[in-house]
Amino acid sequence: MNDWETPDDVRLSPRERVALLIIEAELRQDRRLAHRMRATPGRSRLRRGPWLPLAFLLLGCASVFTAVVGIRTSNPSLLWCFALLWPLTLLQGFRLLCRATRRRPPSGGVTPWL
């Protein structure tokens, strides 16, 4: 089966082929569509839950807690926990900042980033 045949061996006319090529060329030029097509299957890019801000908040609280308690008690295990949590907190904060500064389509109106 080649590109111009359907599973039922129905061939496209030359006019239909040209129309299909034009449609495909226009779709290839749409960067936003290409980005969405590369996204992980099964994950909706339109519906975002509160998980990223919540993860950032929890990691931030855990980082501050382990830093304060680790410094006050001089417990090396708590300081190591802080050393592991802090880069994760910064990463989530960076992702949240990227989400907040991402360009929105002009017709979308105001969309809260949290």
PDB file of N, CA and C in Angstrom:
ATOM      1  N   MET A   1       0.849  -1.171   0.000  1.00  0.00           N
ATOM      2  CA  MET A   1       0.000   0.000   0.000  1.00  0.00           C
ATOM      3  C   MET A   1       0.895   1.235   0.000  1.00  0.00           C
ATOM      4  N   ASN A   2       0.679   2.149  -0.926  1.00  0.00           N
ATOM      5  CA  ASN A   2       1.470   3.374  -0.963  1.00  0.00           C
ATOM      6  C   ASN A   2       0.700   4.517  -0.310  1.00  0.00           C
ATOM      7  N   ASP A   3       1.244   5.737  -0.398  1.00  0.00           N
ATOM      8  CA  ASP A   3       0.644   6.890   0.276  1.00  0.00           C
ATOM      9  C   ASP A   3      -0.703   7.306  -0.300  1.00  0.00           C
ATOM     10  N   TRP A   4      -1.000   6.890  -1.523  1.00  0.00           N
ATOM     11  CA  TRP A   4      -2.210   7.373  -2.187  1.00  0.00           C
ATOM     12  C   TRP A   4      -3.337   6.356  -2.169  1.00  0.00           C
ATOM     13  N   GLU A   5      -3.164   5.265  -1.491  1.00  0.00           N
ATOM     14  CA  GLU A   5      -4.210   4.253  -1.429  1.00  0.00           C
ATOM     15  C   GLU A   5      -4.742   4.142  -0.011  1.00  0.00           C
ATOM     16  N   THR A   6      -6.020   3.874   0.097  1.00  0.00           N
ATOM     17  CA  THR A   6      -6.629   3.624   1.397  1.00  0.00           C
ATOM     18  C   THR A   6      -6.620   2.120   1.629  1.00  0.00           C
ATOM     19  N   PRO A   7      -6.942   1.677   2.815  1.00  0.00           N
ATOM     20  CA  PRO A   7      -6.932   0.231   3.061  1.00  0.00           C
ATOM     21  C   PRO A   7      -7.854  -0.560   2.126  1.00  0.00           C
ATOM     22  N   ASP A   8      -8.868   0.072   1.574  1.00  0.00           N
ATOM     23  CA  ASP A   8      -9.783  -0.612   0.662  1.00  0.00           C
ATOM     24  C   ASP A   8      -9.323  -0.526  -0.785  1.00  0.00           C
ATOM     25  N   ASP A   9      -8.083  -0.144  -1.014  1.00  0.00           N
ATOM     26  CA  ASP A   9      -7.492   0.010  -2.352  1.00  0.00           C
ATOM     27  C   ASP A   9      -8.259   1.012  -3.223  1.00  0.00           C
ATOM     28  N   VAL A  10      -8.755   2.055  -2.606  1.00  0.00           N
ATOM     29  CA  VAL A  10      -9.404   3.129  -3.340  1.00  0.00           C
ATOM     30  C   VAL A  10      -8.338   4.172  -3.627  1.00  0.00           C
ATOM     31  N   ARG A  11      -8.161   4.508  -4.894  1.00  0.00           N
ATOM     32  CA  ARG A  11      -7.121   5.454  -5.275  1.00  0.00           C
ATOM     33  C   ARG A  11      -7.693   6.868  -5.319  1.00  0.00           C
ATOM     34  N   LEU A  12      -6.845   7.844  -5.000  1.00  0.00           N
ATOM     35  CA  LEU A  12      -7.240   9.245  -5.064  1.00  0.00           C
ATOM     36  C   LEU A  12      -7.034   9.771  -6.471  1.00  0.00           C
ATOM     37  N   SER A  13      -7.935  10.648  -6.895  1.00  0.00           N
ATOM     38  CA  SER A  13      -7.795  11.266  -8.207  1.00  0.00           C
ATOM     39  C   SER A  13      -6.665  12.291  -8.145  1.00  0.00           C
ATOM     40  N   PRO A  14      -6.124  12.693  -9.294  1.00  0.00           N
ATOM     41  CA  PRO A  14      -5.051  13.703  -9.286  1.00  0.00           C
ATOM     42  C   PRO A  14      -5.476  15.007  -8.606  1.00  0.00           C
ATOM     43  N   ARG A  15      -6.713  15.399  -8.804  1.00  0.00           N
ATOM     44  CA  ARG A  15      -7.218  16.616  -8.169  1.00  0.00           C
ATOM     45  C   ARG A  15      -7.251  16.470  -6.642  1.00  0.00           C
ATOM     46  N   GLU A  16      -7.669  15.311  -6.158  1.00  0.00           N
ATOM     47  CA  GLU A  16      -7.697  15.051  -4.718  1.00  0.00           C
ATOM     48  C   GLU A  16      -6.281  14.990  -4.141  1.00  0.00           C
ATOM     49  N   ARG A  17      -5.360  14.452  -4.915  1.00  0.00           N
ATOM     50  CA  ARG A  17      -3.964  14.403  -4.466  1.00  0.00           C
ATOM     51  C   ARG A  17      -3.392  15.800  -4.283  1.00  0.00           C
ATOM     52  N   VAL A  18      -3.660  16.685  -5.241  1.00  0.00           N
ATOM     53  CA  VAL A  18      -3.156  18.059  -5.159  1.00  0.00           C
ATOM     54  C   VAL A  18      -3.778  18.767  -3.957  1.00  0.00           C
ATOM     55  N   ALA A  19      -5.078  18.579  -3.771  1.00  0.00           N
ATOM     56  CA  ALA A  19      -5.747  19.202  -2.621  1.00  0.00           C
ATOM     57  C   ALA A  19      -5.158  18.690  -1.305  1.00  0.00           C
ATOM     58  N   LEU A  20      -4.887  17.399  -1.245  1.00  0.00           N
ATOM     59  CA  LEU A  20      -4.301  16.815  -0.042  1.00  0.00           C
ATOM     60  C   LEU A  20      -2.887  17.354   0.194  1.00  0.00           C
ATOM     61  N   LEU A  21      -2.105  17.495  -0.851  1.00  0.00           N
ATOM     62  CA  LEU A  21      -0.754  18.050  -0.714  1.00  0.00           C
ATOM     63  C   LEU A  21      -0.778  19.496  -0.216  1.00  0.00           C
ATOM     64  N   ILE A  22      -1.738  20.278  -0.707  1.00  0.00           N
ATOM     65  CA  ILE A  22      -1.864  21.669  -0.261  1.00  0.00           C
ATOM     66  C   ILE A  22      -2.230  21.717   1.217  1.00  0.00           C
ATOM     67  N   ILE A  23      -3.166  20.882   1.630  1.00  0.00           N
ATOM     68  CA  ILE A  23      -3.581  20.835   3.039  1.00  0.00           C
ATOM     69  C   ILE A  23      -2.406  20.419   3.924  1.00  0.00           C
ATOM     70  N   GLU A  24      -1.680  19.400   3.488  1.00  0.00           N
ATOM     71  CA  GLU A  24      -0.529  18.939   4.283  1.00  0.00           C
ATOM     72  C   GLU A  24       0.546  20.017   4.381  1.00  0.00           C
ATOM     73  N   ALA A  25       0.792  20.751   3.305  1.00  0.00           N
ATOM     74  CA  ALA A  25       1.792  21.820   3.326  1.00  0.00           C
ATOM     75  C   ALA A  25       1.387  22.931   4.293  1.00  0.00           C
ATOM     76  N   GLU A  26       0.099  23.289   4.308  1.00  0.00           N
ATOM     77  CA  GLU A  26      -0.377  24.314   5.236  1.00  0.00           C
ATOM     78  C   GLU A  26      -0.275  23.834   6.684  1.00  0.00           C
ATOM     79  N   LEU A  27      -0.560  22.569   6.915  1.00  0.00           N
ATOM     80  CA  LEU A  27      -0.470  22.042   8.274  1.00  0.00           C
ATOM     81  C   LEU A  27       0.978  21.988   8.760  1.00  0.00           C
ATOM     82  N   ARG A  28       1.919  21.710   7.853  1.00  0.00           N
ATOM     83  CA  ARG A  28       3.336  21.674   8.235  1.00  0.00           C
ATOM     84  C   ARG A  28       3.851  23.047   8.638  1.00  0.00           C
ATOM     85  N   GLN A  29       3.243  24.108   8.126  1.00  0.00           N
ATOM     86  CA  GLN A  29       3.686  25.463   8.443  1.00  0.00           C
ATOM     87  C   GLN A  29       3.170  25.948   9.796  1.00  0.00           C
ATOM     88  N   ASP A  30       2.192  25.271  10.374  1.00  0.00           N
ATOM     89  CA  ASP A  30       1.625  25.664  11.663  1.00  0.00           C
ATOM     90  C   ASP A  30       2.519  25.145  12.785  1.00  0.00           C
ATOM     91  N   ARG A  31       3.313  26.027  13.380  1.00  0.00           N
ATOM     92  CA  ARG A  31       4.269  25.624  14.419  1.00  0.00           C
ATOM     93  C   ARG A  31       3.572  25.132  15.681  1.00  0.00           C
ATOM     94  N   ARG A  32       2.487  25.792  16.045  1.00  0.00           N
ATOM     95  CA  ARG A  32       1.784  25.406  17.262  1.00  0.00           C
ATOM     96  C   ARG A  32       1.212  23.989  17.138  1.00  0.00           C
ATOM     97  N   LEU A  33       0.679  23.673  15.969  1.00  0.00           N
ATOM     98  CA  LEU A  33       0.158  22.329  15.738  1.00  0.00           C
ATOM     99  C   LEU A  33       1.284  21.303  15.786  1.00  0.00           C
ATOM    100  N   ALA A  34       2.414  21.631  15.181  1.00  0.00           N
ATOM    101  CA  ALA A  34       3.546  20.701  15.204  1.00  0.00           C
ATOM    102  C   ALA A  34       4.024  20.461  16.627  1.00  0.00           C
ATOM    103  N   HIS A  35       4.036  21.514  17.433  1.00  0.00           N
ATOM    104  CA  HIS A  35       4.447  21.357  18.832  1.00  0.00           C
ATOM    105  C   HIS A  35       3.459  20.472  19.594  1.00  0.00           C
ATOM    106  N   ARG A  36       2.176  20.671  19.349  1.00  0.00           N
ATOM    107  CA  ARG A  36       1.167  19.856  20.031  1.00  0.00           C
ATOM    108  C   ARG A  36       1.199  18.407  19.565  1.00  0.00           C
ATOM    109  N   MET A  37       1.548  18.187  18.311  1.00  0.00           N
ATOM    110  CA  MET A  37       1.613  16.818  17.796  1.00  0.00           C
ATOM    111  C   MET A  37       2.805  16.075  18.391  1.00  0.00           C
ATOM    112  N   ARG A  38       3.874  16.808  18.746  1.00  0.00           N
ATOM    113  CA  ARG A  38       5.036  16.180  19.369  1.00  0.00           C
ATOM    114  C   ARG A  38       4.826  15.922  20.847  1.00  0.00           C
ATOM    115  N   ALA A  39       3.778  16.481  21.426  1.00  0.00           N
ATOM    116  CA  ALA A  39       3.532  16.318  22.864  1.00  0.00           C
ATOM    117  C   ALA A  39       3.250  14.856  23.174  1.00  0.00           C
ATOM    118  N   THR A  40       3.435  14.520  24.431  1.00  0.00           N
ATOM    119  CA  THR A  40       3.232  13.149  24.878  1.00  0.00           C
ATOM    120  C   THR A  40       1.793  12.719  24.618  1.00  0.00           C
ATOM    121  N   PRO A  41       1.586  11.560  23.980  1.00  0.00           N
ATOM    122  CA  PRO A  41       0.223  11.116  23.727  1.00  0.00           C
ATOM    123  C   PRO A  41      -0.508  10.864  25.040  1.00  0.00           C
ATOM    124  N   GLY A  42      -1.773  11.194  25.054  1.00  0.00           N
ATOM    125  CA  GLY A  42      -2.573  10.966  26.240  1.00  0.00           C
ATOM    126  C   GLY A  42      -2.583  12.145  27.200  1.00  0.00           C
ATOM    127  N   ARG A  43      -1.687  13.087  27.013  1.00  0.00           N
ATOM    128  CA  ARG A  43      -1.661  14.265  27.880  1.00  0.00           C
ATOM    129  C   ARG A  43      -2.280  15.429  27.142  1.00  0.00           C
ATOM    130  N   SER A  44      -3.289  15.992  27.721  1.00  0.00           N
ATOM    131  CA  SER A  44      -3.930  17.143  27.109  1.00  0.00           C
ATOM    132  C   SER A  44      -3.145  18.396  27.430  1.00  0.00           C
ATOM    133  N   ARG A  45      -2.772  19.147  26.400  1.00  0.00           N
ATOM    134  CA  ARG A  45      -2.021  20.374  26.615  1.00  0.00           C
ATOM    135  C   ARG A  45      -2.963  21.529  26.961  1.00  0.00           C
ATOM    136  N   LEU A  46      -4.257  21.354  26.714  1.00  0.00           N
ATOM    137  CA  LEU A  46      -5.187  22.430  26.979  1.00  0.00           C
ATOM    138  C   LEU A  46      -5.652  22.448  28.429  1.00  0.00           C
ATOM    139  N   ARG A  47      -5.804  21.286  29.029  1.00  0.00           N
ATOM    140  CA  ARG A  47      -6.320  21.196  30.384  1.00  0.00           C
ATOM    141  C   ARG A  47      -5.157  20.994  31.354  1.00  0.00           C
ATOM    142  N   ARG A  48      -4.877  21.992  32.125  1.00  0.00           N
ATOM    143  CA  ARG A  48      -3.786  21.892  33.088  1.00  0.00           C
ATOM    144  C   ARG A  48      -4.380  21.889  34.479  1.00  0.00           C
ATOM    145  N   GLY A  49      -3.945  20.949  35.253  1.00  0.00           N
ATOM    146  CA  GLY A  49      -4.403  20.899  36.629  1.00  0.00           C
ATOM    147  C   GLY A  49      -3.512  21.743  37.524  1.00  0.00           C
ATOM    148  N   PRO A  50      -3.805  21.732  38.792  1.00  0.00           N
ATOM    149  CA  PRO A  50      -3.031  22.539  39.741  1.00  0.00           C
ATOM    150  C   PRO A  50      -1.770  21.833  40.227  1.00  0.00           C
ATOM    151  N   TRP A  51      -1.310  20.801  39.536  1.00  0.00           N
ATOM    152  CA  TRP A  51      -0.214  19.984  40.055  1.00  0.00           C
ATOM    153  C   TRP A  51       1.124  20.692  40.077  1.00  0.00           C
ATOM    154  N   LEU A  52       1.432  21.477  39.083  1.00  0.00           N
ATOM    155  CA  LEU A  52       2.731  22.159  39.063  1.00  0.00           C
ATOM    156  C   LEU A  52       2.849  23.206  40.171  1.00  0.00           C
ATOM    157  N   PRO A  53       1.873  24.101  40.332  1.00  0.00           N
ATOM    158  CA  PRO A  53       1.980  25.049  41.450  1.00  0.00           C
ATOM    159  C   PRO A  53       1.948  24.354  42.812  1.00  0.00           C
ATOM    160  N   LEU A  54       1.148  23.302  42.916  1.00  0.00           N
ATOM    161  CA  LEU A  54       1.080  22.566  44.176  1.00  0.00           C
ATOM    162  C   LEU A  54       2.402  21.868  44.483  1.00  0.00           C
ATOM    163  N   ALA A  55       3.019  21.277  43.464  1.00  0.00           N
ATOM    164  CA  ALA A  55       4.315  20.620  43.657  1.00  0.00           C
ATOM    165  C   ALA A  55       5.378  21.641  44.067  1.00  0.00           C
ATOM    166  N   PHE A  56       5.361  22.808  43.431  1.00  0.00           N
ATOM    167  CA  PHE A  56       6.317  23.852  43.780  1.00  0.00           C
ATOM    168  C   PHE A  56       6.115  24.317  45.224  1.00  0.00           C
ATOM    169  N   LEU A  57       4.868  24.493  45.624  1.00  0.00           N
ATOM    170  CA  LEU A  57       4.576  24.926  46.982  1.00  0.00           C
ATOM    171  C   LEU A  57       5.025  23.883  48.007  1.00  0.00           C
ATOM    172  N   LEU A  58       4.713  22.621  47.757  1.00  0.00           N
ATOM    173  CA  LEU A  58       5.104  21.571  48.702  1.00  0.00           C
ATOM    174  C   LEU A  58       6.618  21.394  48.766  1.00  0.00           C
ATOM    175  N   LEU A  59       7.269  21.405  47.615  1.00  0.00           N
ATOM    176  CA  LEU A  59       8.729  21.293  47.618  1.00  0.00           C
ATOM    177  C   LEU A  59       9.386  22.482  48.303  1.00  0.00           C
ATOM    178  N   GLY A  60       8.826  23.668  48.089  1.00  0.00           N
ATOM    179  CA  GLY A  60       9.362  24.854  48.748  1.00  0.00           C
ATOM    180  C   GLY A  60       9.231  24.771  50.261  1.00  0.00           C
ATOM    181  N   CYS A  61       8.062  24.341  50.725  1.00  0.00           N
ATOM    182  CA  CYS A  61       7.860  24.189  52.178  1.00  0.00           C
ATOM    183  C   CYS A  61       8.797  23.124  52.747  1.00  0.00           C
ATOM    184  N   ALA A  62       8.921  22.014  52.052  1.00  0.00           N
ATOM    185  CA  ALA A  62       9.803  20.944  52.531  1.00  0.00           C
ATOM    186  C   ALA A  62      11.260  21.409  52.529  1.00  0.00           C
ATOM    187  N   SER A  63      11.654  22.159  51.527  1.00  0.00           N
ATOM    188  CA  SER A  63      13.032  22.667  51.457  1.00  0.00           C
ATOM    189  C   SER A  63      13.322  23.619  52.608  1.00  0.00           C
ATOM    190  N   VAL A  64      12.423  24.545  52.861  1.00  0.00           N
ATOM    191  CA  VAL A  64      12.619  25.495  53.956  1.00  0.00           C
ATOM    192  C   VAL A  64      12.650  24.756  55.295  1.00  0.00           C
ATOM    193  N   PHE A  65      11.737  23.816  55.475  1.00  0.00           N
ATOM    194  CA  PHE A  65      11.686  23.062  56.729  1.00  0.00           C
ATOM    195  C   PHE A  65      12.985  22.290  56.962  1.00  0.00           C
ATOM    196  N   THR A  66      13.442  21.554  55.944  1.00  0.00           N
ATOM    197  CA  THR A  66      14.662  20.763  56.138  1.00  0.00           C
ATOM    198  C   THR A  66      15.882  21.661  56.330  1.00  0.00           C
ATOM    199  N   ALA A  67      15.907  22.825  55.671  1.00  0.00           N
ATOM    200  CA  ALA A  67      17.042  23.736  55.851  1.00  0.00           C
ATOM    201  C   ALA A  67      17.063  24.298  57.270  1.00  0.00           C
ATOM    202  N   VAL A  68      15.918  24.764  57.743  1.00  0.00           N
ATOM    203  CA  VAL A  68      15.863  25.369  59.075  1.00  0.00           C
ATOM    204  C   VAL A  68      16.163  24.332  60.152  1.00  0.00           C
ATOM    205  N   VAL A  69      15.508  23.180  60.096  1.00  0.00           N
ATOM    206  CA  VAL A  69      15.718  22.153  61.110  1.00  0.00           C
ATOM    207  C   VAL A  69      17.131  21.578  61.002  1.00  0.00           C
ATOM    208  N   GLY A  70      17.624  21.405  59.800  1.00  0.00           N
ATOM    209  CA  GLY A  70      18.971  20.887  59.614  1.00  0.00           C
ATOM    210  C   GLY A  70      20.039  21.815  60.163  1.00  0.00           C
ATOM    211  N   ILE A  71      19.849  23.126  59.993  1.00  0.00           N
ATOM    212  CA  ILE A  71      20.819  24.081  60.514  1.00  0.00           C
ATOM    213  C   ILE A  71      20.726  24.164  62.035  1.00  0.00           C
ATOM    214  N   ARG A  72      19.502  24.162  62.553  1.00  0.00           N
ATOM    215  CA  ARG A  72      19.341  24.281  64.012  1.00  0.00           C
ATOM    216  C   ARG A  72      19.867  23.064  64.762  1.00  0.00           C
ATOM    217  N   THR A  73      19.691  21.875  64.147  1.00  0.00           N
ATOM    218  CA  THR A  73      20.120  20.655  64.841  1.00  0.00           C
ATOM    219  C   THR A  73      21.492  20.170  64.375  1.00  0.00           C
ATOM    220  N   SER A  74      22.001  20.731  63.305  1.00  0.00           N
ATOM    221  CA  SER A  74      23.274  20.296  62.696  1.00  0.00           C
ATOM    222  C   SER A  74      23.242  18.815  62.328  1.00  0.00           C
ATOM    223  N   ASN A  75      22.079  18.354  61.905  1.00  0.00           N
ATOM    224  CA  ASN A  75      21.896  16.963  61.508  1.00  0.00           C
ATOM    225  C   ASN A  75      22.276  16.828  60.031  1.00  0.00           C
ATOM    226  N   PRO A  76      23.312  16.045  59.705  1.00  0.00           N
ATOM    227  CA  PRO A  76      23.748  15.931  58.310  1.00  0.00           C
ATOM    228  C   PRO A  76      22.688  15.324  57.382  1.00  0.00           C
ATOM    229  N   SER A  77      21.869  14.412  57.904  1.00  0.00           N
ATOM    230  CA  SER A  77      20.859  13.794  57.032  1.00  0.00           C
ATOM    231  C   SER A  77      19.814  14.816  56.594  1.00  0.00           C
ATOM    232  N   LEU A  78      19.447  15.733  57.478  1.00  0.00           N
ATOM    233  CA  LEU A  78      18.497  16.783  57.088  1.00  0.00           C
ATOM    234  C   LEU A  78      19.128  17.755  56.098  1.00  0.00           C
ATOM    235  N   LEU A  79      20.397  18.038  56.277  1.00  0.00           N
ATOM    236  CA  LEU A  79      21.071  18.925  55.327  1.00  0.00           C
ATOM    237  C   LEU A  79      21.197  18.275  53.954  1.00  0.00           C
ATOM    238  N   TRP A  80      21.414  16.966  53.920  1.00  0.00           N
ATOM    239  CA  TRP A  80      21.443  16.250  52.644  1.00  0.00           C
ATOM    240  C   TRP A  80      20.055  16.220  52.008  1.00  0.00           C
ATOM    241  N   CYS A  81      19.026  16.076  52.812  1.00  0.00           N
ATOM    242  CA  CYS A  81      17.654  16.139  52.272  1.00  0.00           C
ATOM    243  C   CYS A  81      17.401  17.502  51.631  1.00  0.00           C
ATOM    244  N   PHE A  82      17.873  18.553  52.307  1.00  0.00           N
ATOM    245  CA  PHE A  82      17.732  19.887  51.729  1.00  0.00           C
ATOM    246  C   PHE A  82      18.507  19.994  50.417  1.00  0.00           C
ATOM    247  N   ALA A  83      19.717  19.422  50.408  1.00  0.00           N
ATOM    248  CA  ALA A  83      20.540  19.477  49.192  1.00  0.00           C
ATOM    249  C   ALA A  83      19.877  18.743  48.031  1.00  0.00           C
ATOM    250  N   LEU A  84      19.071  17.743  48.324  1.00  0.00           N
ATOM    251  CA  LEU A  84      18.354  17.024  47.265  1.00  0.00           C
ATOM    252  C   LEU A  84      17.055  17.724  46.873  1.00  0.00           C
ATOM    253  N   LEU A  85      16.390  18.341  47.835  1.00  0.00           N
ATOM    254  CA  LEU A  85      15.103  18.990  47.550  1.00  0.00           C
ATOM    255  C   LEU A  85      15.251  20.335  46.834  1.00  0.00           C
ATOM    256  N   TRP A  86      16.299  21.080  47.171  1.00  0.00           N
ATOM    257  CA  TRP A  86      16.422  22.434  46.647  1.00  0.00           C
ATOM    258  C   TRP A  86      16.526  22.486  45.118  1.00  0.00           C
ATOM    259  N   PRO A  87      17.342  21.656  44.457  1.00  0.00           N
ATOM    260  CA  PRO A  87      17.352  21.709  42.980  1.00  0.00           C
ATOM    261  C   PRO A  87      16.005  21.340  42.363  1.00  0.00           C
ATOM    262  N   LEU A  88      15.293  20.397  42.975  1.00  0.00           N
ATOM    263  CA  LEU A  88      13.961  20.050  42.469  1.00  0.00           C
ATOM    264  C   LEU A  88      12.997  21.225  42.610  1.00  0.00           C
ATOM    265  N   THR A  89      13.111  21.932  43.719  1.00  0.00           N
ATOM    266  CA  THR A  89      12.264  23.109  43.939  1.00  0.00           C
ATOM    267  C   THR A  89      12.571  24.185  42.896  1.00  0.00           C
ATOM    268  N   LEU A  90      13.856  24.415  42.633  1.00  0.00           N
ATOM    269  CA  LEU A  90      14.226  25.403  41.619  1.00  0.00           C
ATOM    270  C   LEU A  90      13.735  25.005  40.231  1.00  0.00           C
ATOM    271  N   LEU A  91      13.813  23.724  39.919  1.00  0.00           N
ATOM    272  CA  LEU A  91      13.338  23.243  38.622  1.00  0.00           C
ATOM    273  C   LEU A  91      11.835  23.472  38.469  1.00  0.00           C
ATOM    274  N   GLN A  92      11.064  23.134  39.500  1.00  0.00           N
ATOM    275  CA  GLN A  92       9.619  23.345  39.427  1.00  0.00           C
ATOM    276  C   GLN A  92       9.293  24.836  39.363  1.00  0.00           C
ATOM    277  N   GLY A  93      10.046  25.649  40.079  1.00  0.00           N
ATOM    278  CA  GLY A  93       9.829  27.097  40.010  1.00  0.00           C
ATOM    279  C   GLY A  93      10.122  27.640  38.624  1.00  0.00           C
ATOM    280  N   PHE A  94      11.166  27.118  37.990  1.00  0.00           N
ATOM    281  CA  PHE A  94      11.492  27.538  36.626  1.00  0.00           C
ATOM    282  C   PHE A  94      10.389  27.123  35.652  1.00  0.00           C
ATOM    283  N   ARG A  95       9.876  25.906  35.812  1.00  0.00           N
ATOM    284  CA  ARG A  95       8.784  25.454  34.943  1.00  0.00           C
ATOM    285  C   ARG A  95       7.538  26.309  35.138  1.00  0.00           C
ATOM    286  N   LEU A  96       7.253  26.679  36.383  1.00  0.00           N
ATOM    287  CA  LEU A  96       6.104  27.530  36.674  1.00  0.00           C
ATOM    288  C   LEU A  96       6.288  28.916  36.074  1.00  0.00           C
ATOM    289  N   LEU A  97       7.497  29.437  36.150  1.00  0.00           N
ATOM    290  CA  LEU A  97       7.795  30.735  35.553  1.00  0.00           C
ATOM    291  C   LEU A  97       7.660  30.679  34.030  1.00  0.00           C
ATOM    292  N   CYS A  98       8.114  29.596  33.419  1.00  0.00           N
ATOM    293  CA  CYS A  98       7.972  29.439  31.968  1.00  0.00           C
ATOM    294  C   CYS A  98       6.508  29.378  31.568  1.00  0.00           C
ATOM    295  N   ARG A  99       5.713  28.696  32.361  1.00  0.00           N
ATOM    296  CA  ARG A  99       4.282  28.618  32.069  1.00  0.00           C
ATOM    297  C   ARG A  99       3.637  29.990  32.174  1.00  0.00           C
ATOM    298  N   ALA A 100       4.058  30.779  33.147  1.00  0.00           N
ATOM    299  CA  ALA A 100       3.470  32.101  33.352  1.00  0.00           C
ATOM    300  C   ALA A 100       3.830  33.061  32.228  1.00  0.00           C
ATOM    301  N   THR A 101       5.007  32.899  31.637  1.00  0.00           N
ATOM    302  CA  THR A 101       5.444  33.836  30.595  1.00  0.00           C
ATOM    303  C   THR A 101       5.186  33.327  29.184  1.00  0.00           C
ATOM    304  N   ARG A 102       4.606  32.152  29.045  1.00  0.00           N
ATOM    305  CA  ARG A 102       4.320  31.603  27.721  1.00  0.00           C
ATOM    306  C   ARG A 102       3.304  32.482  27.012  1.00  0.00           C
ATOM    307  N   ARG A 103       3.527  32.671  25.722  1.00  0.00           N
ATOM    308  CA  ARG A 103       2.620  33.501  24.928  1.00  0.00           C
ATOM    309  C   ARG A 103       1.296  32.793  24.744  1.00  0.00           C
ATOM    310  N   ARG A 104       0.236  33.526  24.907  1.00  0.00           N
ATOM    311  CA  ARG A 104      -1.118  33.018  24.724  1.00  0.00           C
ATOM    312  C   ARG A 104      -1.664  33.506  23.390  1.00  0.00           C
ATOM    313  N   PRO A 105      -2.567  32.742  22.796  1.00  0.00           N
ATOM    314  CA  PRO A 105      -3.200  33.243  21.576  1.00  0.00           C
ATOM    315  C   PRO A 105      -4.037  34.482  21.898  1.00  0.00           C
ATOM    316  N   PRO A 106      -4.074  35.468  20.989  1.00  0.00           N
ATOM    317  CA  PRO A 106      -4.774  36.714  21.288  1.00  0.00           C
ATOM    318  C   PRO A 106      -6.256  36.531  21.537  1.00  0.00           C
ATOM    319  N   SER A 107      -6.894  35.537  20.951  1.00  0.00           N
ATOM    320  CA  SER A 107      -8.328  35.341  21.137  1.00  0.00           C
ATOM    321  C   SER A 107      -8.640  34.602  22.424  1.00  0.00           C
ATOM    322  N   GLY A 108      -7.618  34.100  23.107  1.00  0.00           N
ATOM    323  CA  GLY A 108      -7.855  33.300  24.310  1.00  0.00           C
ATOM    324  C   GLY A 108      -8.265  34.112  25.517  1.00  0.00           C
ATOM    325  N   GLY A 109      -8.042  35.405  25.509  1.00  0.00           N
ATOM    326  CA  GLY A 109      -8.374  36.210  26.664  1.00  0.00           C
ATOM    327  C   GLY A 109      -7.369  36.024  27.787  1.00  0.00           C
ATOM    328  N   VAL A 110      -7.760  36.425  28.955  1.00  0.00           N
ATOM    329  CA  VAL A 110      -6.877  36.325  30.119  1.00  0.00           C
ATOM    330  C   VAL A 110      -7.031  34.944  30.724  1.00  0.00           C
ATOM    331  N   THR A 111      -5.924  34.245  30.851  1.00  0.00           N
ATOM    332  CA  THR A 111      -5.929  32.913  31.436  1.00  0.00           C
ATOM    333  C   THR A 111      -5.015  32.917  32.654  1.00  0.00           C
ATOM    334  N   PRO A 112      -5.527  32.493  33.814  1.00  0.00           N
ATOM    335  CA  PRO A 112      -4.661  32.470  34.989  1.00  0.00           C
ATOM    336  C   PRO A 112      -3.571  31.424  34.842  1.00  0.00           C
ATOM    337  N   TRP A 113      -2.372  31.738  35.302  1.00  0.00           N
ATOM    338  CA  TRP A 113      -1.254  30.806  35.155  1.00  0.00           C
ATOM    339  C   TRP A 113      -1.173  29.862  36.318  1.00  0.00           C
ATOM    340  N   LEU A 114      -1.873  30.097  37.388  1.00  0.00           N
ATOM    341  CA  LEU A 114      -1.935  29.137  38.480  1.00  0.00           C
ATOM    342  C   LEU A 114      -3.126  28.293  38.238  1.00  0.00           C
TER     343      LEU A 114
END
